[in-house]
Amino acid sequence: MIIRRDVIEQYARKHCVCPFELSLDAAYGADAVICDYNYLFDPRVSLKRLTGEHKRNTALLVDEAHNLIDRAREMYSAGLDKRNFLDIFSVRSKA
């Protein structure tokens, strides 16, 4: 059985659950998962449910793998916004 996005959305609405979380739960029991690679490598959005024994029993087709290097740099690179520091300084100066 193929579970497509529209099916996930339909059941999520029916049961008042988050479609994203429902899709992660469905992936846990799947034989094959086709997904963007950020679901596997991004530390904030990952298929952590597919670890250990379950990962060995699941085929993963990772889409957009040719962009992995650039997106990994984005995922693991820190960024600072000067405005946040200026806002803090401004608040402390007024106190």
PDB file of N, CA and C in Angstrom:
ATOM      1  N   MET A   1       0.836  -1.179   0.000  1.00  0.00           N
ATOM      2  CA  MET A   1       0.000   0.000   0.000  1.00  0.00           C
ATOM      3  C   MET A   1       0.886   1.249   0.000  1.00  0.00           C
ATOM      4  N   ILE A   2       0.595   2.181  -0.856  1.00  0.00           N
ATOM      5  CA  ILE A   2       1.331   3.445  -0.925  1.00  0.00           C
ATOM      6  C   ILE A   2       0.542   4.498  -0.154  1.00  0.00           C
ATOM      7  N   ILE A   3       1.216   5.162   0.772  1.00  0.00           N
ATOM      8  CA  ILE A   3       0.578   6.217   1.555  1.00  0.00           C
ATOM      9  C   ILE A   3       1.143   7.544   1.068  1.00  0.00           C
ATOM     10  N   ARG A   4       0.337   8.267   0.320  1.00  0.00           N
ATOM     11  CA  ARG A   4       0.762   9.548  -0.229  1.00  0.00           C
ATOM     12  C   ARG A   4       0.359  10.688   0.701  1.00  0.00           C
ATOM     13  N   ARG A   5       0.842  11.859   0.377  1.00  0.00           N
ATOM     14  CA  ARG A   5       0.592  13.044   1.191  1.00  0.00           C
ATOM     15  C   ARG A   5      -0.901  13.301   1.393  1.00  0.00           C
ATOM     16  N   ASP A   6      -1.700  13.189   0.327  1.00  0.00           N
ATOM     17  CA  ASP A   6      -3.130  13.474   0.456  1.00  0.00           C
ATOM     18  C   ASP A   6      -3.819  12.507   1.417  1.00  0.00           C
ATOM     19  N   VAL A   7      -3.357  11.266   1.457  1.00  0.00           N
ATOM     20  CA  VAL A   7      -3.931  10.285   2.381  1.00  0.00           C
ATOM     21  C   VAL A   7      -3.563  10.651   3.823  1.00  0.00           C
ATOM     22  N   ILE A   8      -2.295  11.021   4.037  1.00  0.00           N
ATOM     23  CA  ILE A   8      -1.852  11.454   5.368  1.00  0.00           C
ATOM     24  C   ILE A   8      -2.683  12.656   5.822  1.00  0.00           C
ATOM     25  N   GLU A   9      -2.861  13.638   4.943  1.00  0.00           N
ATOM     26  CA  GLU A   9      -3.616  14.842   5.303  1.00  0.00           C
ATOM     27  C   GLU A   9      -5.065  14.510   5.632  1.00  0.00           C
ATOM     28  N   GLN A  10      -5.662  13.613   4.864  1.00  0.00           N
ATOM     29  CA  GLN A  10      -7.055  13.215   5.087  1.00  0.00           C
ATOM     30  C   GLN A  10      -7.224  12.569   6.467  1.00  0.00           C
ATOM     31  N   TYR A  11      -6.357  11.633   6.806  1.00  0.00           N
ATOM     32  CA  TYR A  11      -6.459  10.957   8.096  1.00  0.00           C
ATOM     33  C   TYR A  11      -6.084  11.885   9.251  1.00  0.00           C
ATOM     34  N   ALA A  12      -5.162  12.784   9.026  1.00  0.00           N
ATOM     35  CA  ALA A  12      -4.788  13.743  10.071  1.00  0.00           C
ATOM     36  C   ALA A  12      -5.974  14.647  10.404  1.00  0.00           C
ATOM     37  N   ARG A  13      -6.659  15.131   9.388  1.00  0.00           N
ATOM     38  CA  ARG A  13      -7.850  15.964   9.629  1.00  0.00           C
ATOM     39  C   ARG A  13      -8.930  15.160  10.351  1.00  0.00           C
ATOM     40  N   LYS A  14      -9.143  13.934   9.893  1.00  0.00           N
ATOM     41  CA  LYS A  14     -10.189  13.082  10.469  1.00  0.00           C
ATOM     42  C   LYS A  14      -9.951  12.841  11.955  1.00  0.00           C
ATOM     43  N   HIS A  15      -8.689  12.645  12.347  1.00  0.00           N
ATOM     44  CA  HIS A  15      -8.374  12.303  13.733  1.00  0.00           C
ATOM     45  C   HIS A  15      -7.783  13.477  14.518  1.00  0.00           C
ATOM     46  N   CYS A  16      -7.781  14.679  13.912  1.00  0.00           N
ATOM     47  CA  CYS A  16      -7.301  15.905  14.567  1.00  0.00           C
ATOM     48  C   CYS A  16      -5.883  15.738  15.123  1.00  0.00           C
ATOM     49  N   VAL A  17      -4.997  15.243  14.273  1.00  0.00           N
ATOM     50  CA  VAL A  17      -3.593  15.103  14.655  1.00  0.00           C
ATOM     51  C   VAL A  17      -2.721  15.849  13.650  1.00  0.00           C
ATOM     52  N   CYS A  18      -1.483  16.071  14.015  1.00  0.00           N
ATOM     53  CA  CYS A  18      -0.534  16.760  13.155  1.00  0.00           C
ATOM     54  C   CYS A  18      -0.156  15.851  11.977  1.00  0.00           C
ATOM     55  N   PRO A  19      -0.324  16.303  10.732  1.00  0.00           N
ATOM     56  CA  PRO A  19       0.026  15.480   9.575  1.00  0.00           C
ATOM     57  C   PRO A  19       1.500  15.100   9.532  1.00  0.00           C
ATOM     58  N   PHE A  20       2.359  16.007   9.976  1.00  0.00           N
ATOM     59  CA  PHE A  20       3.790  15.716   9.978  1.00  0.00           C
ATOM     60  C   PHE A  20       4.103  14.565  10.940  1.00  0.00           C
ATOM     61  N   GLU A  21       3.569  14.642  12.152  1.00  0.00           N
ATOM     62  CA  GLU A  21       3.802  13.580  13.129  1.00  0.00           C
ATOM     63  C   GLU A  21       3.181  12.266  12.666  1.00  0.00           C
ATOM     64  N   LEU A  22       2.012  12.335  12.038  1.00  0.00           N
ATOM     65  CA  LEU A  22       1.378  11.125  11.510  1.00  0.00           C
ATOM     66  C   LEU A  22       2.249  10.490  10.431  1.00  0.00           C
ATOM     67  N   SER A  23       2.845  11.306   9.577  1.00  0.00           N
ATOM     68  CA  SER A  23       3.715  10.760   8.525  1.00  0.00           C
ATOM     69  C   SER A  23       4.967  10.121   9.131  1.00  0.00           C
ATOM     70  N   LEU A  24       5.503  10.702  10.213  1.00  0.00           N
ATOM     71  CA  LEU A  24       6.652  10.096  10.880  1.00  0.00           C
ATOM     72  C   LEU A  24       6.271   8.748  11.489  1.00  0.00           C
ATOM     73  N   ASP A  25       5.097   8.686  12.084  1.00  0.00           N
ATOM     74  CA  ASP A  25       4.636   7.413  12.645  1.00  0.00           C
ATOM     75  C   ASP A  25       4.418   6.374  11.548  1.00  0.00           C
ATOM     76  N   ALA A  26       3.895   6.803  10.414  1.00  0.00           N
ATOM     77  CA  ALA A  26       3.685   5.879   9.292  1.00  0.00           C
ATOM     78  C   ALA A  26       5.023   5.383   8.752  1.00  0.00           C
ATOM     79  N   ALA A  27       6.028   6.251   8.734  1.00  0.00           N
ATOM     80  CA  ALA A  27       7.361   5.862   8.253  1.00  0.00           C
ATOM     81  C   ALA A  27       7.972   4.780   9.138  1.00  0.00           C
ATOM     82  N   TYR A  28       7.644   4.820  10.410  1.00  0.00           N
ATOM     83  CA  TYR A  28       8.185   3.842  11.358  1.00  0.00           C
ATOM     84  C   TYR A  28       7.820   2.407  10.956  1.00  0.00           C
ATOM     85  N   GLY A  29       6.632   2.221  10.397  1.00  0.00           N
ATOM     86  CA  GLY A  29       6.203   0.886  10.012  1.00  0.00           C
ATOM     87  C   GLY A  29       6.335   0.589   8.531  1.00  0.00           C
ATOM     88  N   ALA A  30       6.956   1.490   7.783  1.00  0.00           N
ATOM     89  CA  ALA A  30       7.045   1.331   6.328  1.00  0.00           C
ATOM     90  C   ALA A  30       8.216   0.451   5.920  1.00  0.00           C
ATOM     91  N   ASP A  31       8.066  -0.182   4.770  1.00  0.00           N
ATOM     92  CA  ASP A  31       9.163  -0.946   4.181  1.00  0.00           C
ATOM     93  C   ASP A  31      10.095  -0.038   3.388  1.00  0.00           C
ATOM     94  N   ALA A  32       9.551   1.046   2.855  1.00  0.00           N
ATOM     95  CA  ALA A  32      10.347   2.001   2.073  1.00  0.00           C
ATOM     96  C   ALA A  32       9.833   3.404   2.348  1.00  0.00           C
ATOM     97  N   VAL A  33      10.759   4.354   2.391  1.00  0.00           N
ATOM     98  CA  VAL A  33      10.410   5.752   2.625  1.00  0.00           C
ATOM     99  C   VAL A  33      11.124   6.585   1.571  1.00  0.00           C
ATOM    100  N   ILE A  34      10.371   7.448   0.892  1.00  0.00           N
ATOM    101  CA  ILE A  34      10.957   8.389  -0.064  1.00  0.00           C
ATOM    102  C   ILE A  34      10.808   9.767   0.569  1.00  0.00           C
ATOM    103  N   CYS A  35      11.942  10.437   0.790  1.00  0.00           N
ATOM    104  CA  CYS A  35      11.866  11.717   1.486  1.00  0.00           C
ATOM    105  C   CYS A  35      13.048  12.600   1.107  1.00  0.00           C
ATOM    106  N   ASP A  36      12.901  13.862   1.451  1.00  0.00           N
ATOM    107  CA  ASP A  36      14.003  14.790   1.318  1.00  0.00           C
ATOM    108  C   ASP A  36      15.020  14.433   2.394  1.00  0.00           C
ATOM    109  N   TYR A  37      16.287  14.612   2.097  1.00  0.00           N
ATOM    110  CA  TYR A  37      17.306  14.149   3.034  1.00  0.00           C
ATOM    111  C   TYR A  37      17.346  14.923   4.332  1.00  0.00           C
ATOM    112  N   ASN A  38      16.713  16.105   4.403  1.00  0.00           N
ATOM    113  CA  ASN A  38      16.749  16.823   5.677  1.00  0.00           C
ATOM    114  C   ASN A  38      16.016  16.059   6.772  1.00  0.00           C
ATOM    115  N   TYR A  39      15.108  15.143   6.395  1.00  0.00           N
ATOM    116  CA  TYR A  39      14.423  14.339   7.403  1.00  0.00           C
ATOM    117  C   TYR A  39      15.357  13.336   8.063  1.00  0.00           C
ATOM    118  N   LEU A  40      16.472  13.068   7.437  1.00  0.00           N
ATOM    119  CA  LEU A  40      17.431  12.125   8.017  1.00  0.00           C
ATOM    120  C   LEU A  40      18.609  12.814   8.683  1.00  0.00           C
ATOM    121  N   PHE A  41      19.022  13.960   8.164  1.00  0.00           N
ATOM    122  CA  PHE A  41      20.261  14.566   8.617  1.00  0.00           C
ATOM    123  C   PHE A  41      20.098  15.851   9.424  1.00  0.00           C
ATOM    124  N   ASP A  42      18.996  16.551   9.266  1.00  0.00           N
ATOM    125  CA  ASP A  42      18.802  17.785  10.019  1.00  0.00           C
ATOM    126  C   ASP A  42      18.525  17.437  11.477  1.00  0.00           C
ATOM    127  N   PRO A  43      19.309  17.989  12.413  1.00  0.00           N
ATOM    128  CA  PRO A  43      19.124  17.630  13.820  1.00  0.00           C
ATOM    129  C   PRO A  43      17.784  18.078  14.401  1.00  0.00           C
ATOM    130  N   ARG A  44      17.133  19.049  13.767  1.00  0.00           N
ATOM    131  CA  ARG A  44      15.850  19.533  14.279  1.00  0.00           C
ATOM    132  C   ARG A  44      14.668  18.800  13.672  1.00  0.00           C
ATOM    133  N   VAL A  45      14.816  18.255  12.473  1.00  0.00           N
ATOM    134  CA  VAL A  45      13.712  17.605  11.780  1.00  0.00           C
ATOM    135  C   VAL A  45      14.206  16.256  11.285  1.00  0.00           C
ATOM    136  N   SER A  46      14.178  15.268  12.117  1.00  0.00           N
ATOM    137  CA  SER A  46      14.734  14.007  11.636  1.00  0.00           C
ATOM    138  C   SER A  46      13.834  12.824  11.930  1.00  0.00           C
ATOM    139  N   LEU A  47      14.054  11.793  11.170  1.00  0.00           N
ATOM    140  CA  LEU A  47      13.344  10.529  11.366  1.00  0.00           C
ATOM    141  C   LEU A  47      14.073   9.733  12.440  1.00  0.00           C
ATOM    142  N   LYS A  48      14.113  10.272  13.632  1.00  0.00           N
ATOM    143  CA  LYS A  48      14.825   9.599  14.714  1.00  0.00           C
ATOM    144  C   LYS A  48      14.182   8.254  15.036  1.00  0.00           C
ATOM    145  N   ARG A  49      12.941   8.097  14.615  1.00  0.00           N
ATOM    146  CA  ARG A  49      12.256   6.826  14.837  1.00  0.00           C
ATOM    147  C   ARG A  49      12.888   5.708  14.008  1.00  0.00           C
ATOM    148  N   LEU A  50      13.574   6.087  12.933  1.00  0.00           N
ATOM    149  CA  LEU A  50      14.207   5.082  12.065  1.00  0.00           C
ATOM    150  C   LEU A  50      15.657   4.878  12.470  1.00  0.00           C
ATOM    151  N   THR A  51      15.857   4.313  13.617  1.00  0.00           N
ATOM    152  CA  THR A  51      17.206   4.047  14.088  1.00  0.00           C
ATOM    153  C   THR A  51      17.343   2.573  14.416  1.00  0.00           C
ATOM    154  N   GLY A  52      18.552   2.166  14.581  1.00  0.00           N
ATOM    155  CA  GLY A  52      18.829   0.789  15.005  1.00  0.00           C
ATOM    156  C   GLY A  52      18.239  -0.259  14.091  1.00  0.00           C
ATOM    157  N   GLU A  53      17.535  -1.187  14.658  1.00  0.00           N
ATOM    158  CA  GLU A  53      16.966  -2.324  13.931  1.00  0.00           C
ATOM    159  C   GLU A  53      15.983  -1.891  12.846  1.00  0.00           C
ATOM    160  N   HIS A  54      15.185  -0.865  13.134  1.00  0.00           N
ATOM    161  CA  HIS A  54      14.197  -0.408  12.152  1.00  0.00           C
ATOM    162  C   HIS A  54      14.863   0.177  10.917  1.00  0.00           C
ATOM    163  N   LYS A  55      15.998   0.872  11.096  1.00  0.00           N
ATOM    164  CA  LYS A  55      16.694   1.447   9.947  1.00  0.00           C
ATOM    165  C   LYS A  55      17.218   0.348   9.031  1.00  0.00           C
ATOM    166  N   ARG A  56      17.654  -0.748   9.611  1.00  0.00           N
ATOM    167  CA  ARG A  56      18.179  -1.854   8.787  1.00  0.00           C
ATOM    168  C   ARG A  56      17.084  -2.533   7.987  1.00  0.00           C
ATOM    169  N   ASN A  57      15.849  -2.441   8.450  1.00  0.00           N
ATOM    170  CA  ASN A  57      14.739  -3.107   7.779  1.00  0.00           C
ATOM    171  C   ASN A  57      13.932  -2.175   6.882  1.00  0.00           C
ATOM    172  N   THR A  58      14.410  -0.947   6.704  1.00  0.00           N
ATOM    173  CA  THR A  58      13.691   0.035   5.897  1.00  0.00           C
ATOM    174  C   THR A  58      14.590   0.546   4.787  1.00  0.00           C
ATOM    175  N   ALA A  59      14.068   0.576   3.570  1.00  0.00           N
ATOM    176  CA  ALA A  59      14.811   1.148   2.444  1.00  0.00           C
ATOM    177  C   ALA A  59      14.505   2.642   2.399  1.00  0.00           C
ATOM    178  N   LEU A  60      15.542   3.463   2.359  1.00  0.00           N
ATOM    179  CA  LEU A  60      15.367   4.908   2.295  1.00  0.00           C
ATOM    180  C   LEU A  60      15.858   5.422   0.956  1.00  0.00           C
ATOM    181  N   LEU A  61      14.979   6.064   0.205  1.00  0.00           N
ATOM    182  CA  LEU A  61      15.361   6.721  -1.041  1.00  0.00           C
ATOM    183  C   LEU A  61      15.455   8.202  -0.718  1.00  0.00           C
ATOM    184  N   VAL A  62      16.675   8.725  -0.695  1.00  0.00           N
ATOM    185  CA  VAL A  62      16.907  10.098  -0.292  1.00  0.00           C
ATOM    186  C   VAL A  62      16.928  10.984  -1.528  1.00  0.00           C
ATOM    187  N   ASP A  63      15.959  11.885  -1.607  1.00  0.00           N
ATOM    188  CA  ASP A  63      15.827  12.795  -2.736  1.00  0.00           C
ATOM    189  C   ASP A  63      16.743  14.009  -2.527  1.00  0.00           C
ATOM    190  N   GLU A  64      17.202  14.597  -3.600  1.00  0.00           N
ATOM    191  CA  GLU A  64      18.031  15.800  -3.573  1.00  0.00           C
ATOM    192  C   GLU A  64      19.393  15.576  -2.922  1.00  0.00           C
ATOM    193  N   ALA A  65      19.917  14.374  -2.978  1.00  0.00           N
ATOM    194  CA  ALA A  65      21.199  14.072  -2.336  1.00  0.00           C
ATOM    195  C   ALA A  65      22.342  14.892  -2.928  1.00  0.00           C
ATOM    196  N   HIS A  66      22.217  15.322  -4.169  1.00  0.00           N
ATOM    197  CA  HIS A  66      23.290  16.106  -4.776  1.00  0.00           C
ATOM    198  C   HIS A  66      23.452  17.473  -4.094  1.00  0.00           C
ATOM    199  N   ASN A  67      22.458  17.903  -3.342  1.00  0.00           N
ATOM    200  CA  ASN A  67      22.546  19.173  -2.623  1.00  0.00           C
ATOM    201  C   ASN A  67      22.963  18.990  -1.165  1.00  0.00           C
ATOM    202  N   LEU A  68      23.335  17.788  -0.785  1.00  0.00           N
ATOM    203  CA  LEU A  68      23.604  17.478   0.614  1.00  0.00           C
ATOM    204  C   LEU A  68      24.686  18.363   1.227  1.00  0.00           C
ATOM    205  N   ILE A  69      25.781  18.589   0.526  1.00  0.00           N
ATOM    206  CA  ILE A  69      26.893  19.360   1.089  1.00  0.00           C
ATOM    207  C   ILE A  69      26.451  20.787   1.429  1.00  0.00           C
ATOM    208  N   ASP A  70      25.810  21.467   0.487  1.00  0.00           N
ATOM    209  CA  ASP A  70      25.394  22.851   0.729  1.00  0.00           C
ATOM    210  C   ASP A  70      24.356  22.945   1.834  1.00  0.00           C
ATOM    211  N   ARG A  71      23.387  22.045   1.835  1.00  0.00           N
ATOM    212  CA  ARG A  71      22.356  22.108   2.873  1.00  0.00           C
ATOM    213  C   ARG A  71      22.907  21.694   4.225  1.00  0.00           C
ATOM    214  N   ALA A  72      23.861  20.786   4.258  1.00  0.00           N
ATOM    215  CA  ALA A  72      24.477  20.408   5.535  1.00  0.00           C
ATOM    216  C   ALA A  72      25.218  21.597   6.128  1.00  0.00           C
ATOM    217  N   ARG A  73      25.876  22.354   5.283  1.00  0.00           N
ATOM    218  CA  ARG A  73      26.556  23.562   5.775  1.00  0.00           C
ATOM    219  C   ARG A  73      25.550  24.510   6.415  1.00  0.00           C
ATOM    220  N   GLU A  74      24.395  24.670   5.770  1.00  0.00           N
ATOM    221  CA  GLU A  74      23.361  25.540   6.318  1.00  0.00           C
ATOM    222  C   GLU A  74      22.833  25.005   7.645  1.00  0.00           C
ATOM    223  N   MET A  75      22.607  23.689   7.724  1.00  0.00           N
ATOM    224  CA  MET A  75      22.038  23.089   8.928  1.00  0.00           C
ATOM    225  C   MET A  75      22.962  23.208  10.126  1.00  0.00           C
ATOM    226  N   TYR A  76      24.261  23.058   9.891  1.00  0.00           N
ATOM    227  CA  TYR A  76      25.202  22.999  10.995  1.00  0.00           C
ATOM    228  C   TYR A  76      25.996  24.284  11.186  1.00  0.00           C
ATOM    229  N   SER A  77      25.622  25.339  10.468  1.00  0.00           N
ATOM    230  CA  SER A  77      26.306  26.622  10.611  1.00  0.00           C
ATOM    231  C   SER A  77      25.508  27.527  11.527  1.00  0.00           C
ATOM    232  N   ALA A  78      26.201  28.118  12.470  1.00  0.00           N
ATOM    233  CA  ALA A  78      25.552  29.047  13.384  1.00  0.00           C
ATOM    234  C   ALA A  78      25.453  30.418  12.731  1.00  0.00           C
ATOM    235  N   GLY A  79      24.505  31.168  13.139  1.00  0.00           N
ATOM    236  CA  GLY A  79      24.354  32.517  12.632  1.00  0.00           C
ATOM    237  C   GLY A  79      23.990  33.467  13.760  1.00  0.00           C
ATOM    238  N   LEU A  80      24.489  34.664  13.680  1.00  0.00           N
ATOM    239  CA  LEU A  80      24.182  35.687  14.663  1.00  0.00           C
ATOM    240  C   LEU A  80      23.536  36.863  13.960  1.00  0.00           C
ATOM    241  N   ASP A  81      22.551  37.445  14.627  1.00  0.00           N
ATOM    242  CA  ASP A  81      21.876  38.618  14.092  1.00  0.00           C
ATOM    243  C   ASP A  81      22.209  39.797  14.995  1.00  0.00           C
ATOM    244  N   LYS A  82      22.865  40.769  14.446  1.00  0.00           N
ATOM    245  CA  LYS A  82      23.306  41.936  15.213  1.00  0.00           C
ATOM    246  C   LYS A  82      22.132  42.646  15.882  1.00  0.00           C
ATOM    247  N   ARG A  83      20.980  42.617  15.243  1.00  0.00           N
ATOM    248  CA  ARG A  83      19.795  43.306  15.769  1.00  0.00           C
ATOM    249  C   ARG A  83      19.418  42.774  17.158  1.00  0.00           C
ATOM    250  N   ASN A  84      19.535  41.465  17.384  1.00  0.00           N
ATOM    251  CA  ASN A  84      19.208  40.895  18.691  1.00  0.00           C
ATOM    252  C   ASN A  84      20.088  41.488  19.787  1.00  0.00           C
ATOM    253  N   PHE A  85      21.366  41.630  19.518  1.00  0.00           N
ATOM    254  CA  PHE A  85      22.283  42.206  20.505  1.00  0.00           C
ATOM    255  C   PHE A  85      21.971  43.685  20.737  1.00  0.00           C
ATOM    256  N   LEU A  86      21.673  44.404  19.665  1.00  0.00           N
ATOM    257  CA  LEU A  86      21.344  45.817  19.812  1.00  0.00           C
ATOM    258  C   LEU A  86      20.054  46.004  20.597  1.00  0.00           C
ATOM    259  N   ASP A  87      19.067  45.132  20.391  1.00  0.00           N
ATOM    260  CA  ASP A  87      17.811  45.205  21.144  1.00  0.00           C
ATOM    261  C   ASP A  87      18.057  44.989  22.636  1.00  0.00           C
ATOM    262  N   ILE A  88      18.894  44.029  22.973  1.00  0.00           N
ATOM    263  CA  ILE A  88      19.226  43.765  24.384  1.00  0.00           C
ATOM    264  C   ILE A  88      19.929  44.968  24.992  1.00  0.00           C
ATOM    265  N   PHE A  89      20.896  45.503  24.248  1.00  0.00           N
ATOM    266  CA  PHE A  89      21.643  46.674  24.724  1.00  0.00           C
ATOM    267  C   PHE A  89      20.702  47.849  24.943  1.00  0.00           C
ATOM    268  N   SER A  90      19.753  48.021  24.020  1.00  0.00           N
ATOM    269  CA  SER A  90      18.789  49.126  24.109  1.00  0.00           C
ATOM    270  C   SER A  90      17.908  48.981  25.340  1.00  0.00           C
ATOM    271  N   VAL A  91      17.446  47.787  25.626  1.00  0.00           N
ATOM    272  CA  VAL A  91      16.602  47.534  26.799  1.00  0.00           C
ATOM    273  C   VAL A  91      17.375  47.790  28.085  1.00  0.00           C
ATOM    274  N   ARG A  92      18.612  47.331  28.141  1.00  0.00           N
ATOM    275  CA  ARG A  92      19.418  47.522  29.348  1.00  0.00           C
ATOM    276  C   ARG A  92      19.774  48.994  29.552  1.00  0.00           C
ATOM    277  N   SER A  93      19.978  49.738  28.472  1.00  0.00           N
ATOM    278  CA  SER A  93      20.314  51.150  28.584  1.00  0.00           C
ATOM    279  C   SER A  93      19.163  51.963  29.156  1.00  0.00           C
ATOM    280  N   LYS A  94      17.931  51.524  28.861  1.00  0.00           N
ATOM    281  CA  LYS A  94      16.747  52.245  29.332  1.00  0.00           C
ATOM    282  C   LYS A  94      16.462  51.957  30.811  1.00  0.00           C
ATOM    283  N   ALA A  95      16.991  50.861  31.324  1.00  0.00           N
ATOM    284  CA  ALA A  95      16.685  50.466  32.710  1.00  0.00           C
ATOM    285  C   ALA A  95      17.484  51.225  33.722  1.00  0.00           C
TER     286      ALA A  95
END
